[in-house]
C-alpha atoms as a PDB file:
ATOM      1  CA  MET A   1      -0.304   0.049  -0.178  1.00  0.00           C
ATOM      2  CA  LYS A   2       1.419   3.482  -0.984  1.00  0.00           C
ATOM      3  CA  THR A   3       1.457   6.072   1.518  1.00  0.00           C
ATOM      4  CA  ALA A   4       1.291   9.857   1.269  1.00  0.00           C
ATOM      5  CA  SER A   5       5.193   9.883   2.105  1.00  0.00           C
ATOM      6  CA  SER A   6       5.880   7.385  -0.620  1.00  0.00           C
ATOM      7  CA  PHE A   7       4.149   9.906  -3.167  1.00  0.00           C
ATOM      8  CA  SER A   8       6.314  13.026  -1.935  1.00  0.00           C
ATOM      9  CA  VAL A   9       9.504  11.385  -2.228  1.00  0.00           C
ATOM     10  CA  ARG A  10       9.018  10.785  -6.330  1.00  0.00           C
ATOM     11  CA  PRO A  11       9.798  14.758  -6.885  1.00  0.00           C
ATOM     12  CA  LEU A  12      12.959  14.705  -4.861  1.00  0.00           C
ATOM     13  CA  VAL A  13      14.284  11.532  -6.232  1.00  0.00           C
ATOM     14  CA  ALA A  14      13.412  12.974  -9.698  1.00  0.00           C
ATOM     15  CA  ALA A  15      15.529  16.195  -8.976  1.00  0.00           C
ATOM     16  CA  LEU A  16      18.238  14.277  -7.330  1.00  0.00           C
ATOM     17  CA  ILE A  17      18.622  12.015 -10.688  1.00  0.00           C
ATOM     18  CA  ALA A  18      18.563  15.184 -12.863  1.00  0.00           C
ATOM     19  CA  ALA A  19      21.303  17.102 -10.753  1.00  0.00           C
ATOM     20  CA  ALA A  20      23.295  13.872 -10.518  1.00  0.00           C
ATOM     21  CA  CYS A  21      23.211  13.575 -14.490  1.00  0.00           C
ATOM     22  CA  SER A  22      23.980  17.300 -14.759  1.00  0.00           C
ATOM     23  CA  LEU A  23      26.953  16.908 -12.303  1.00  0.00           C
ATOM     24  CA  GLY A  24      28.133  13.591 -13.988  1.00  0.00           C
ATOM     25  CA  ALA A  25      28.238  15.319 -17.423  1.00  0.00           C
ATOM     26  CA  GLN A  26      31.672  17.510 -16.055  1.00  0.00           C
ATOM     27  CA  ALA A  27      34.633  16.182 -14.516  1.00  0.00           C
ATOM     28  CA  ALA A  28      34.391  15.436 -10.781  1.00  0.00           C
ATOM     29  CA  ALA A  29      34.535  18.531  -8.386  1.00  0.00           C
ATOM     30  CA  PRO A  30      37.632  19.141  -6.834  1.00  0.00           C
ATOM     31  CA  ASN A  31      36.084  19.376  -3.373  1.00  0.00           C
ATOM     32  CA  GLU A  32      34.349  16.340  -2.731  1.00  0.00           C
ATOM     33  CA  PRO A  33      34.357  14.908   0.960  1.00  0.00           C
ATOM     34  CA  ILE A  34      35.701  11.690  -0.376  1.00  0.00           C
ATOM     35  CA  GLN A  35      38.858  11.312  -2.123  1.00  0.00           C
ATOM     36  CA  PRO A  36      40.487   8.587  -4.248  1.00  0.00           C
ATOM     37  CA  ILE A  37      42.694   5.703  -2.785  1.00  0.00           C
ATOM     38  CA  ALA A  38      46.197   5.447  -4.038  1.00  0.00           C
ATOM     39  CA  PRO A  39      47.838   2.314  -4.788  1.00  0.00           C
ATOM     40  CA  ALA A  40      50.463   0.867  -1.926  1.00  0.00           C
ATOM     41  CA  LYS A  41      53.819   1.749  -2.442  1.00  0.00           C
ATOM     42  CA  VAL A  42      56.201  -0.984  -1.244  1.00  0.00           C
ATOM     43  CA  THR A  43      59.329   0.034   0.383  1.00  0.00           C
ATOM     44  CA  HIS A  44      60.444  -3.210   1.947  1.00  0.00           C
ATOM     45  CA  PRO A  45      59.530  -5.891  -0.169  1.00  0.00           C
ATOM     46  CA  ALA A  46      61.348  -8.556   1.667  1.00  0.00           C
ATOM     47  CA  MET A  47      59.350  -7.575   5.163  1.00  0.00           C
ATOM     48  CA  VAL A  48      56.145  -7.623   3.064  1.00  0.00           C
ATOM     49  CA  GLU A  49      56.645 -11.179   2.133  1.00  0.00           C
ATOM     50  CA  LEU A  50      57.648 -12.408   5.664  1.00  0.00           C
ATOM     51  CA  GLY A  51      54.421 -10.732   6.825  1.00  0.00           C
ATOM     52  CA  LYS A  52      52.569 -12.445   4.122  1.00  0.00           C
ATOM     53  CA  LYS A  53      53.914 -15.656   5.482  1.00  0.00           C
ATOM     54  CA  LEU A  54      52.973 -14.871   8.819  1.00  0.00           C
ATOM     55  CA  PHE A  55      49.340 -13.562   7.859  1.00  0.00           C
ATOM     56  CA  PHE A  56      48.441 -17.091   6.673  1.00  0.00           C
ATOM     57  CA  ASP A  57      50.421 -19.081   8.846  1.00  0.00           C
ATOM     58  CA  PRO A  58      48.167 -20.799  11.603  1.00  0.00           C
ATOM     59  CA  ARG A  59      50.989 -22.132  13.816  1.00  0.00           C
ATOM     60  CA  LEU A  60      50.704 -18.694  15.244  1.00  0.00           C
ATOM     61  CA  SER A  61      47.609 -20.001  17.234  1.00  0.00           C
ATOM     62  CA  ARG A  62      47.469 -22.537  19.873  1.00  0.00           C
ATOM     63  CA  SER A  63      45.482 -24.983  17.670  1.00  0.00           C
ATOM     64  CA  GLY A  64      47.810 -24.617  14.693  1.00  0.00           C
ATOM     65  CA  PHE A  65      44.438 -23.986  12.847  1.00  0.00           C
ATOM     66  CA  ILE A  66      43.727 -20.203  12.922  1.00  0.00           C
ATOM     67  CA  SER A  67      45.649 -17.213  10.759  1.00  0.00           C
ATOM     68  CA  CYS A  68      45.236 -13.836  10.737  1.00  0.00           C
ATOM     69  CA  ASN A  69      43.165 -14.904   7.475  1.00  0.00           C
ATOM     70  CA  SER A  70      40.731 -16.662   9.280  1.00  0.00           C
ATOM     71  CA  CYS A  71      38.960 -13.721  10.459  1.00  0.00           C
ATOM     72  CA  HIS A  72      40.144 -11.526   7.860  1.00  0.00           C
ATOM     73  CA  ASN A  73      39.861 -13.573   4.775  1.00  0.00           C
ATOM     74  CA  LEU A  74      41.289 -11.716   1.717  1.00  0.00           C
ATOM     75  CA  GLY A  75      39.198 -13.811  -0.706  1.00  0.00           C
ATOM     76  CA  MET A  76      35.969 -12.090   1.411  1.00  0.00           C
ATOM     77  CA  GLY A  77      36.811  -8.371   1.501  1.00  0.00           C
ATOM     78  CA  GLY A  78      39.127  -9.002   4.216  1.00  0.00           C
ATOM     79  CA  SER A  79      36.564 -10.016   6.588  1.00  0.00           C
ATOM     80  CA  ASP A  80      34.861 -13.168   7.761  1.00  0.00           C
ATOM     81  CA  ASN A  81      31.338 -12.381   6.668  1.00  0.00           C
ATOM     82  CA  LEU A  82      30.139 -13.873  10.303  1.00  0.00           C
ATOM     83  CA  LYS A  83      28.366 -11.679  12.752  1.00  0.00           C
ATOM     84  CA  THR A  84      31.067 -12.388  15.275  1.00  0.00           C
ATOM     85  CA  SER A  85      34.278 -14.410  14.603  1.00  0.00           C
ATOM     86  CA  ILE A  86      35.166 -17.904  15.666  1.00  0.00           C
ATOM     87  CA  GLY A  87      37.998 -18.267  18.020  1.00  0.00           C
ATOM     88  CA  HIS A  88      39.921 -21.042  19.771  1.00  0.00           C
ATOM     89  CA  ASN A  89      37.859 -24.227  20.551  1.00  0.00           C
ATOM     90  CA  TRP A  90      35.007 -22.565  18.511  1.00  0.00           C
ATOM     91  CA  GLN A  91      34.496 -19.840  20.911  1.00  0.00           C
ATOM     92  CA  LYS A  92      31.947 -17.260  19.922  1.00  0.00           C
ATOM     93  CA  GLY A  93      33.718 -13.938  19.344  1.00  0.00           C
ATOM     94  CA  PRO A  94      32.636 -10.758  21.260  1.00  0.00           C
ATOM     95  CA  ILE A  95      32.520  -8.506  18.285  1.00  0.00           C
ATOM     96  CA  ASN A  96      32.020  -8.388  14.479  1.00  0.00           C
ATOM     97  CA  SER A  97      35.525  -8.841  12.625  1.00  0.00           C
ATOM     98  CA  PRO A  98      36.365  -5.426  10.639  1.00  0.00           C
ATOM     99  CA  THR A  99      37.803  -5.585   7.243  1.00  0.00           C
ATOM    100  CA  VAL A 100      41.801  -5.412   6.926  1.00  0.00           C
ATOM    101  CA  LEU A 101      41.442  -3.897   3.656  1.00  0.00           C
ATOM    102  CA  ASN A 102      42.493  -0.275   3.877  1.00  0.00           C
ATOM    103  CA  SER A 103      42.876  -0.582   7.673  1.00  0.00           C
ATOM    104  CA  SER A 104      46.131   1.192   7.439  1.00  0.00           C
ATOM    105  CA  MET A 105      43.846   4.436   7.052  1.00  0.00           C
ATOM    106  CA  ASN A 106      42.268   3.896  10.356  1.00  0.00           C
ATOM    107  CA  LEU A 107      43.142   6.629  13.083  1.00  0.00           C
ATOM    108  CA  ALA A 108      43.338   3.484  15.098  1.00  0.00           C
ATOM    109  CA  GLN A 109      42.565  -0.177  15.263  1.00  0.00           C
ATOM    110  CA  PHE A 110      39.678  -2.213  16.372  1.00  0.00           C
ATOM    111  CA  TRP A 111      36.210  -0.924  17.158  1.00  0.00           C
ATOM    112  CA  ASP A 112      37.454   0.802  20.253  1.00  0.00           C
ATOM    113  CA  GLY A 113      40.591   2.135  18.936  1.00  0.00           C
ATOM    114  CA  ARG A 114      42.562   0.583  21.690  1.00  0.00           C
ATOM    115  CA  ALA A 115      45.646  -0.131  19.415  1.00  0.00           C
ATOM    116  CA  LYS A 116      47.038   3.086  17.897  1.00  0.00           C
ATOM    117  CA  ASP A 117      48.317   1.178  14.834  1.00  0.00           C
ATOM    118  CA  LEU A 118      48.583  -2.202  12.761  1.00  0.00           C
ATOM    119  CA  ARG A 119      51.673  -3.147  14.678  1.00  0.00           C
ATOM    120  CA  GLU A 120      49.863  -2.807  17.815  1.00  0.00           C
ATOM    121  CA  GLN A 121      46.843  -4.692  16.720  1.00  0.00           C
ATOM    122  CA  ALA A 122      48.673  -7.841  15.530  1.00  0.00           C
ATOM    123  CA  ARG A 123      49.802  -8.212  18.785  1.00  0.00           C
ATOM    124  CA  GLY A 124      46.298  -8.578  20.130  1.00  0.00           C
ATOM    125  CA  PRO A 125      44.882 -11.663  18.526  1.00  0.00           C
ATOM    126  CA  ILE A 126      47.929 -14.045  19.005  1.00  0.00           C
ATOM    127  CA  ALA A 127      47.741 -13.695  22.820  1.00  0.00           C
ATOM    128  CA  ASN A 128      43.805 -13.860  23.241  1.00  0.00           C
ATOM    129  CA  PRO A 129      42.360 -16.635  24.863  1.00  0.00           C
ATOM    130  CA  GLY A 130      39.408 -16.264  22.755  1.00  0.00           C
ATOM    131  CA  GLU A 131      41.038 -15.963  19.510  1.00  0.00           C
ATOM    132  CA  MET A 132      44.534 -17.467  18.536  1.00  0.00           C
ATOM    133  CA  ALA A 133      45.063 -18.441  22.432  1.00  0.00           C
ATOM    134  CA  PHE A 134      48.716 -18.429  22.132  1.00  0.00           C
ATOM    135  CA  THR A 135      51.256 -16.193  23.704  1.00  0.00           C
ATOM    136  CA  HIS A 136      53.935 -14.053  22.243  1.00  0.00           C
ATOM    137  CA  GLU A 137      56.768 -16.120  24.059  1.00  0.00           C
ATOM    138  CA  LEU A 138      55.350 -19.340  22.514  1.00  0.00           C
ATOM    139  CA  ALA A 139      54.752 -17.530  18.993  1.00  0.00           C
ATOM    140  CA  VAL A 140      58.372 -16.256  18.863  1.00  0.00           C
ATOM    141  CA  ASP A 141      59.682 -20.032  20.100  1.00  0.00           C
ATOM    142  CA  MET A 142      57.857 -21.796  17.660  1.00  0.00           C
ATOM    143  CA  LEU A 143      59.037 -19.538  14.716  1.00  0.00           C
ATOM    144  CA  ALA A 144      62.618 -19.569  16.240  1.00  0.00           C
ATOM    145  CA  SER A 145      62.093 -23.521  15.891  1.00  0.00           C
ATOM    146  CA  ILE A 146      62.010 -23.266  12.143  1.00  0.00           C
ATOM    147  CA  PRO A 147      65.473 -22.821  10.372  1.00  0.00           C
ATOM    148  CA  ALA A 148      63.921 -21.213   7.469  1.00  0.00           C
ATOM    149  CA  TYR A 149      62.106 -18.470   9.449  1.00  0.00           C
ATOM    150  CA  ARG A 150      65.288 -17.896  11.531  1.00  0.00           C
ATOM    151  CA  ALA A 151      67.069 -17.328   8.488  1.00  0.00           C
ATOM    152  CA  GLU A 152      64.418 -14.884   6.907  1.00  0.00           C
ATOM    153  CA  PHE A 153      63.980 -12.660  10.055  1.00  0.00           C
ATOM    154  CA  ALA A 154      67.580 -12.117  10.175  1.00  0.00           C
ATOM    155  CA  LYS A 155      67.925 -11.241   6.642  1.00  0.00           C
ATOM    156  CA  VAL A 156      64.907  -8.729   6.787  1.00  0.00           C
ATOM    157  CA  PHE A 157      65.882  -7.118  10.373  1.00  0.00           C
ATOM    158  CA  HIS A 158      69.590  -7.796  10.489  1.00  0.00           C
ATOM    159  CA  GLN A 159      69.688  -8.643  13.964  1.00  0.00           C
ATOM    160  CA  GLN A 160      68.944 -11.996  16.099  1.00  0.00           C
ATOM    161  CA  PRO A 161      66.960 -13.458  17.985  1.00  0.00           C
ATOM    162  CA  LEU A 162      63.692 -12.741  16.481  1.00  0.00           C
ATOM    163  CA  THR A 163      61.175 -10.905  18.909  1.00  0.00           C
ATOM    164  CA  ILE A 164      57.637 -10.547  18.615  1.00  0.00           C
ATOM    165  CA  GLY A 165      58.295  -6.988  17.668  1.00  0.00           C
ATOM    166  CA  GLN A 166      59.749  -8.106  14.578  1.00  0.00           C
ATOM    167  CA  VAL A 167      56.727 -10.381  14.137  1.00  0.00           C
ATOM    168  CA  THR A 168      54.129  -7.576  14.458  1.00  0.00           C
ATOM    169  CA  ASP A 169      56.196  -5.148  12.112  1.00  0.00           C
ATOM    170  CA  ALA A 170      56.074  -7.760   9.306  1.00  0.00           C
ATOM    171  CA  ILE A 171      52.487  -8.607   9.634  1.00  0.00           C
ATOM    172  CA  ALA A 172      51.610  -4.637   9.593  1.00  0.00           C
ATOM    173  CA  ALA A 173      54.196  -4.092   6.361  1.00  0.00           C
ATOM    174  CA  PHE A 174      51.950  -6.791   4.813  1.00  0.00           C
ATOM    175  CA  GLU A 175      48.838  -5.187   5.830  1.00  0.00           C
ATOM    176  CA  GLU A 176      49.730  -2.012   4.750  1.00  0.00           C
ATOM    177  CA  THR A 177      49.946  -2.999   1.160  1.00  0.00           C
ATOM    178  CA  LEU A 178      46.158  -4.331   1.353  1.00  0.00           C
ATOM    179  CA  VAL A 179      44.487  -1.380  -0.093  1.00  0.00           C
ATOM    180  CA  THR A 180      41.942  -1.214  -2.722  1.00  0.00           C
ATOM    181  CA  PRO A 181      42.420   1.626  -5.532  1.00  0.00           C
ATOM    182  CA  HIS A 182      40.556   2.120  -8.829  1.00  0.00           C
ATOM    183  CA  ALA A 183      37.105   1.742  -7.379  1.00  0.00           C
ATOM    184  CA  ARG A 184      34.333   3.045  -9.995  1.00  0.00           C
ATOM    185  CA  PHE A 185      33.767   5.933  -7.661  1.00  0.00           C
ATOM    186  CA  ASP A 186      37.480   6.846  -7.709  1.00  0.00           C
ATOM    187  CA  ARG A 187      37.550   7.034 -11.508  1.00  0.00           C
ATOM    188  CA  TRP A 188      34.363   9.222 -11.345  1.00  0.00           C
ATOM    189  CA  LEU A 189      36.182  11.272  -8.670  1.00  0.00           C
ATOM    190  CA  GLN A 190      39.151  11.709 -11.183  1.00  0.00           C
ATOM    191  CA  GLY A 191      37.020  13.103 -14.015  1.00  0.00           C
ATOM    192  CA  ASP A 192      35.746   9.690 -15.806  1.00  0.00           C
ATOM    193  CA  SER A 193      31.973  11.082 -16.226  1.00  0.00           C
ATOM    194  CA  LYS A 194      30.761   7.746 -17.509  1.00  0.00           C
ATOM    195  CA  ALA A 195      32.149   5.632 -14.619  1.00  0.00           C
ATOM    196  CA  LEU A 196      28.765   5.837 -12.514  1.00  0.00           C
ATOM    197  CA  ASN A 197      25.204   5.428 -13.666  1.00  0.00           C
ATOM    198  CA  ALA A 198      22.441   8.262 -13.254  1.00  0.00           C
ATOM    199  CA  ASP A 199      20.824   5.976  -9.988  1.00  0.00           C
ATOM    200  CA  GLU A 200      24.507   5.754  -8.481  1.00  0.00           C
ATOM    201  CA  LEU A 201      24.934   9.621  -8.849  1.00  0.00           C
ATOM    202  CA  ALA A 202      21.417  10.110  -7.050  1.00  0.00           C
ATOM    203  CA  GLY A 203      22.731   7.794  -4.245  1.00  0.00           C
ATOM    204  CA  TYR A 204      25.835   9.912  -3.817  1.00  0.00           C
ATOM    205  CA  GLN A 205      23.965  13.006  -3.753  1.00  0.00           C
ATOM    206  CA  LEU A 206      21.460  11.677  -1.142  1.00  0.00           C
ATOM    207  CA  PHE A 207      24.370  10.430   0.792  1.00  0.00           C
ATOM    208  CA  LYS A 208      25.956  13.971   1.097  1.00  0.00           C
ATOM    209  CA  GLU A 209      22.844  15.775   1.675  1.00  0.00           C
ATOM    210  CA  SER A 210      21.283  13.471   4.224  1.00  0.00           C
ATOM    211  CA  GLY A 211      24.914  14.007   6.360  1.00  0.00           C
ATOM    212  CA  CYS A 212      26.513  10.683   5.815  1.00  0.00           C
ATOM    213  CA  VAL A 213      29.536  12.228   4.773  1.00  0.00           C
ATOM    214  CA  ALA A 214      29.679  13.797   8.290  1.00  0.00           C
ATOM    215  CA  CYS A 215      31.301  10.421   9.650  1.00  0.00           C
ATOM    216  CA  HIS A 216      32.136   8.622   6.242  1.00  0.00           C
ATOM    217  CA  ASN A 217      34.572  10.809   4.322  1.00  0.00           C
ATOM    218  CA  GLY A 218      38.233  10.932   3.455  1.00  0.00           C
ATOM    219  CA  PRO A 219      39.907   8.102   1.304  1.00  0.00           C
ATOM    220  CA  ALA A 220      38.831   5.166   3.318  1.00  0.00           C
ATOM    221  CA  VAL A 221      34.976   6.943   3.577  1.00  0.00           C
ATOM    222  CA  GLY A 222      35.220   6.327   7.355  1.00  0.00           C
ATOM    223  CA  GLY A 223      37.863   5.029   9.818  1.00  0.00           C
ATOM    224  CA  ASN A 224      39.071   8.485  10.574  1.00  0.00           C
ATOM    225  CA  SER A 225      36.740   9.334  13.820  1.00  0.00           C
ATOM    226  CA  PHE A 226      34.817   7.750  16.984  1.00  0.00           C
ATOM    227  CA  GLN A 227      31.039   8.263  16.912  1.00  0.00           C
ATOM    228  CA  LYS A 228      28.052   7.337  19.267  1.00  0.00           C
ATOM    229  CA  MET A 229      25.898   4.455  17.723  1.00  0.00           C
ATOM    230  CA  GLY A 230      22.670   5.604  18.117  1.00  0.00           C
ATOM    231  CA  ILE A 231      22.155   9.414  18.121  1.00  0.00           C
ATOM    232  CA  VAL A 232      18.703   9.841  17.526  1.00  0.00           C
ATOM    233  CA  GLU A 233      17.261   6.703  18.578  1.00  0.00           C
ATOM    234  CA  PRO A 234      19.086   4.238  20.861  1.00  0.00           C
ATOM    235  CA  TYR A 235      20.669   1.222  19.537  1.00  0.00           C
ATOM    236  CA  LYS A 236      20.004  -2.236  20.702  1.00  0.00           C
ATOM    237  CA  ALA A 237      23.053  -4.099  20.385  1.00  0.00           C
ATOM    238  CA  SER A 238      23.099  -7.788  19.955  1.00  0.00           C
ATOM    239  CA  VAL A 239      26.690  -8.104  21.657  1.00  0.00           C
ATOM    240  CA  ASP A 240      27.722  -6.601  24.996  1.00  0.00           C
ATOM    241  CA  ALA A 241      30.182  -4.003  23.973  1.00  0.00           C
ATOM    242  CA  PRO A 242      30.670  -0.677  25.790  1.00  0.00           C
ATOM    243  CA  GLY A 243      32.770   0.905  22.859  1.00  0.00           C
ATOM    244  CA  ARG A 244      35.304   3.697  23.209  1.00  0.00           C
ATOM    245  CA  SER A 245      34.649   4.117  27.087  1.00  0.00           C
ATOM    246  CA  ALA A 246      36.576   0.511  27.599  1.00  0.00           C
ATOM    247  CA  VAL A 247      39.411   2.477  26.643  1.00  0.00           C
ATOM    248  CA  THR A 248      39.196   6.019  27.845  1.00  0.00           C
ATOM    249  CA  GLY A 249      37.212   5.141  31.009  1.00  0.00           C
ATOM    250  CA  ASN A 250      35.314   7.984  30.182  1.00  0.00           C
ATOM    251  CA  ASP A 251      31.198   7.179  30.534  1.00  0.00           C
ATOM    252  CA  ALA A 252      30.658   9.882  27.959  1.00  0.00           C
ATOM    253  CA  ASP A 253      32.224   7.497  25.314  1.00  0.00           C
ATOM    254  CA  ARG A 254      30.056   4.587  26.175  1.00  0.00           C
ATOM    255  CA  PHE A 255      28.930   3.294  22.724  1.00  0.00           C
ATOM    256  CA  ASN A 256      31.388   5.433  20.816  1.00  0.00           C
ATOM    257  CA  PHE A 257      32.882   3.170  18.105  1.00  0.00           C
ATOM    258  CA  LYS A 258      35.304   3.748  15.411  1.00  0.00           C
ATOM    259  CA  VAL A 259      33.500   4.448  12.149  1.00  0.00           C
ATOM    260  CA  PRO A 260      34.099   1.724   9.707  1.00  0.00           C
ATOM    261  CA  THR A 261      35.442   2.445   6.390  1.00  0.00           C
ATOM    262  CA  LEU A 262      32.858   1.930   3.478  1.00  0.00           C
ATOM    263  CA  ARG A 263      35.255   0.696   0.870  1.00  0.00           C
ATOM    264  CA  ASN A 264      34.224  -2.161  -0.215  1.00  0.00           C
ATOM    265  CA  VAL A 265      31.438  -2.398   1.994  1.00  0.00           C
ATOM    266  CA  GLU A 266      29.191  -4.679  -0.528  1.00  0.00           C
ATOM    267  CA  LEU A 267      31.955  -7.545   0.296  1.00  0.00           C
ATOM    268  CA  THR A 268      32.214  -7.031   3.916  1.00  0.00           C
ATOM    269  CA  TYR A 269      28.660  -7.996   5.456  1.00  0.00           C
ATOM    270  CA  PRO A 270      27.309  -8.510   8.162  1.00  0.00           C
ATOM    271  CA  TYR A 271      27.315  -4.662   9.328  1.00  0.00           C
ATOM    272  CA  PHE A 272      27.785  -2.836  12.652  1.00  0.00           C
ATOM    273  CA  HIS A 273      29.872  -4.100  15.312  1.00  0.00           C
ATOM    274  CA  ASP A 274      27.732  -6.790  16.383  1.00  0.00           C
ATOM    275  CA  GLY A 275      26.937  -7.938  12.926  1.00  0.00           C
ATOM    276  CA  ALA A 276      23.123  -7.128  13.054  1.00  0.00           C
ATOM    277  CA  ALA A 277      22.534  -5.703   9.510  1.00  0.00           C
ATOM    278  CA  ASP A 278      22.674  -8.687   7.114  1.00  0.00           C
ATOM    279  CA  THR A 279      22.289  -6.389   3.939  1.00  0.00           C
ATOM    280  CA  LEU A 280      23.448  -3.128   2.932  1.00  0.00           C
ATOM    281  CA  GLY A 281      19.779  -1.975   2.644  1.00  0.00           C
ATOM    282  CA  GLN A 282      19.221  -2.912   6.242  1.00  0.00           C
ATOM    283  CA  ALA A 283      22.405  -1.041   7.353  1.00  0.00           C
ATOM    284  CA  VAL A 284      21.289   1.974   5.455  1.00  0.00           C
ATOM    285  CA  ASP A 285      17.841   2.074   6.985  1.00  0.00           C
ATOM    286  CA  THR A 286      19.195   1.447  10.487  1.00  0.00           C
ATOM    287  CA  MET A 287      21.506   4.568   9.856  1.00  0.00           C
ATOM    288  CA  GLY A 288      19.055   6.690   8.492  1.00  0.00           C
ATOM    289  CA  ARG A 289      16.629   6.473  11.542  1.00  0.00           C
ATOM    290  CA  LEU A 290      19.133   6.183  14.407  1.00  0.00           C
ATOM    291  CA  GLN A 291      22.073   8.525  13.158  1.00  0.00           C
ATOM    292  CA  LEU A 292      20.047  11.048  10.974  1.00  0.00           C
ATOM    293  CA  GLY A 293      16.579  10.799  12.163  1.00  0.00           C
ATOM    294  CA  ARG A 294      15.605  10.137   8.439  1.00  0.00           C
ATOM    295  CA  GLN A 295      13.311   7.464   7.357  1.00  0.00           C
ATOM    296  CA  PHE A 296      14.690   6.828   3.651  1.00  0.00           C
ATOM    297  CA  SER A 297      12.112   5.416   1.181  1.00  0.00           C
ATOM    298  CA  GLU A 298      12.703   2.261  -0.774  1.00  0.00           C
ATOM    299  CA  ASP A 299      13.642   4.338  -3.735  1.00  0.00           C
ATOM    300  CA  GLU A 300      16.161   6.555  -1.801  1.00  0.00           C
ATOM    301  CA  ASN A 301      17.708   3.231   0.007  1.00  0.00           C
ATOM    302  CA  ALA A 302      18.035   1.600  -3.231  1.00  0.00           C
ATOM    303  CA  ARG A 303      20.118   4.482  -4.652  1.00  0.00           C
ATOM    304  CA  ILE A 304      22.202   4.960  -1.968  1.00  0.00           C
ATOM    305  CA  VAL A 305      22.997   1.270  -1.747  1.00  0.00           C
ATOM    306  CA  ALA A 306      23.861   1.360  -5.607  1.00  0.00           C
ATOM    307  CA  PHE A 307      26.403   4.396  -4.767  1.00  0.00           C
ATOM    308  CA  LEU A 308      27.851   2.212  -1.781  1.00  0.00           C
ATOM    309  CA  LYS A 309      28.555  -0.586  -4.365  1.00  0.00           C
ATOM    310  CA  THR A 310      30.638   1.832  -6.757  1.00  0.00           C
ATOM    311  CA  LEU A 311      33.208   1.667  -3.685  1.00  0.00           C
ATOM    312  CA  THR A 312      34.225  -1.632  -4.508  1.00  0.00           C
ATOM    313  CA  GLY A 313      37.999  -1.394  -5.524  1.00  0.00           C
ATOM    314  CA  GLU A 314      40.637  -3.633  -7.042  1.00  0.00           C
ATOM    315  CA  GLN A 315      41.006  -6.454  -4.375  1.00  0.00           C
ATOM    316  CA  PRO A 316      44.613  -7.235  -3.470  1.00  0.00           C
ATOM    317  CA  ARG A 317      45.995 -10.340  -5.890  1.00  0.00           C
ATOM    318  CA  ILE A 318      47.562 -12.556  -3.513  1.00  0.00           C
ATOM    319  CA  VAL A 319      49.836 -15.305  -4.187  1.00  0.00           C
ATOM    320  CA  LEU A 320      49.657 -17.875  -1.361  1.00  0.00           C
ATOM    321  CA  PRO A 321      52.892 -18.289   0.246  1.00  0.00           C
ATOM    322  CA  VAL A 322      54.719 -21.288   0.677  1.00  0.00           C
ATOM    323  CA  LEU A 323      55.112 -21.743   4.443  1.00  0.00           C
ATOM    324  CA  PRO A 324      58.829 -23.208   5.857  1.00  0.00           C
ATOM    325  CA  PRO A 325      58.195 -26.781   7.191  1.00  0.00           C
ATOM    326  CA  SER A 326      57.926 -27.522  10.798  1.00  0.00           C
ATOM    327  CA  SER A 327      61.104 -28.645  12.193  1.00  0.00           C
ATOM    328  CA  ASP A 328      61.595 -31.799  14.987  1.00  0.00           C
ATOM    329  CA  ALA A 329      61.778 -29.209  17.582  1.00  0.00           C
ATOM    330  CA  THR A 330      58.556 -27.159  16.550  1.00  0.00           C
ATOM    331  CA  PRO A 331      56.044 -27.560  19.108  1.00  0.00           C
ATOM    332  CA  ARG A 332      53.104 -29.137  17.739  1.00  0.00           C
ATOM    333  CA  PRO A 333      49.636 -27.699  17.662  1.00  0.00           C
ATOM    334  CA  LYS A 334      46.787 -28.559  20.397  1.00  0.00           C
ATOM    335  CA  PRO A 335      43.597 -27.952  18.810  1.00  0.00           C
ATOM    336  CA  PHE A 336      41.462 -29.520  21.203  1.00  0.00           C
ATOM    337  CA  ASP A 337      43.096 -28.241  24.491  1.00  0.00           C
ATOM    338  CA  GLN A 338      40.772 -26.183  26.705  1.00  0.00           C
END
């Protein structure tokens, strides 16, 4: 059944499409709130290659089964497409796993920003009993027991013995290469007026005019601020996560979370820190109501979703590394230990 409000939005949508077509007919304006992503510049290829091996090596976990790629699957947009990740002994994770793609552009890491950079973030899961359930000491001992790893660390870092700092430096160096340039929206920003169609451009106009860009801006279209989840209406989360207040100790920061990047967002479902929104349409609807106090019509929602899908960039092309074999002295995995 059509309501009065559903009729009232049609002139607005038509006007937006007309404006978008006009905008698309000329080179993109230079002062857009979103900027293109630049391709990664690799300055230490040997460290990146070592970090890639560590990223995919499940021996950094107690079970010998969980790697960084388990929760940040590079074949699935750098996430795992689960509401919350699965940890050691099939433990249910406390929060949704954010994408690792373009994560180097974040002002901090984790939803609550408790890690200042990728190096600090890489330390967390290895020693977290609910994730990889190892210790830093055991991880270093395991790597040091493998002759090929010892030689590679010595070649990259020019010092021995290897340390957990070297491990996290290498993982971070690899993760810094996981950027996704050349999205269709980036091509439009750089002057290709044919890169987007009328619906996608109208969606971008709505995205700007509705206020979404107040939080989702910059090259990563997010990741550069902490914001409260549920400004106009309270958000009823399905996980117990206090957000930024767990780091700052300030109750005013309760339910403040790092704004997620919208790059490759069509690949990184489900959405929000609790993974409660299964689809982009659901996410747009929730954000409109809770953050902006706006109920998007079906047409408006579809156009915003169409725009968001133009943010999917070139995915990293990864050749899976051949991991060095364990030695007789390498501790064996303990997948079923409590």
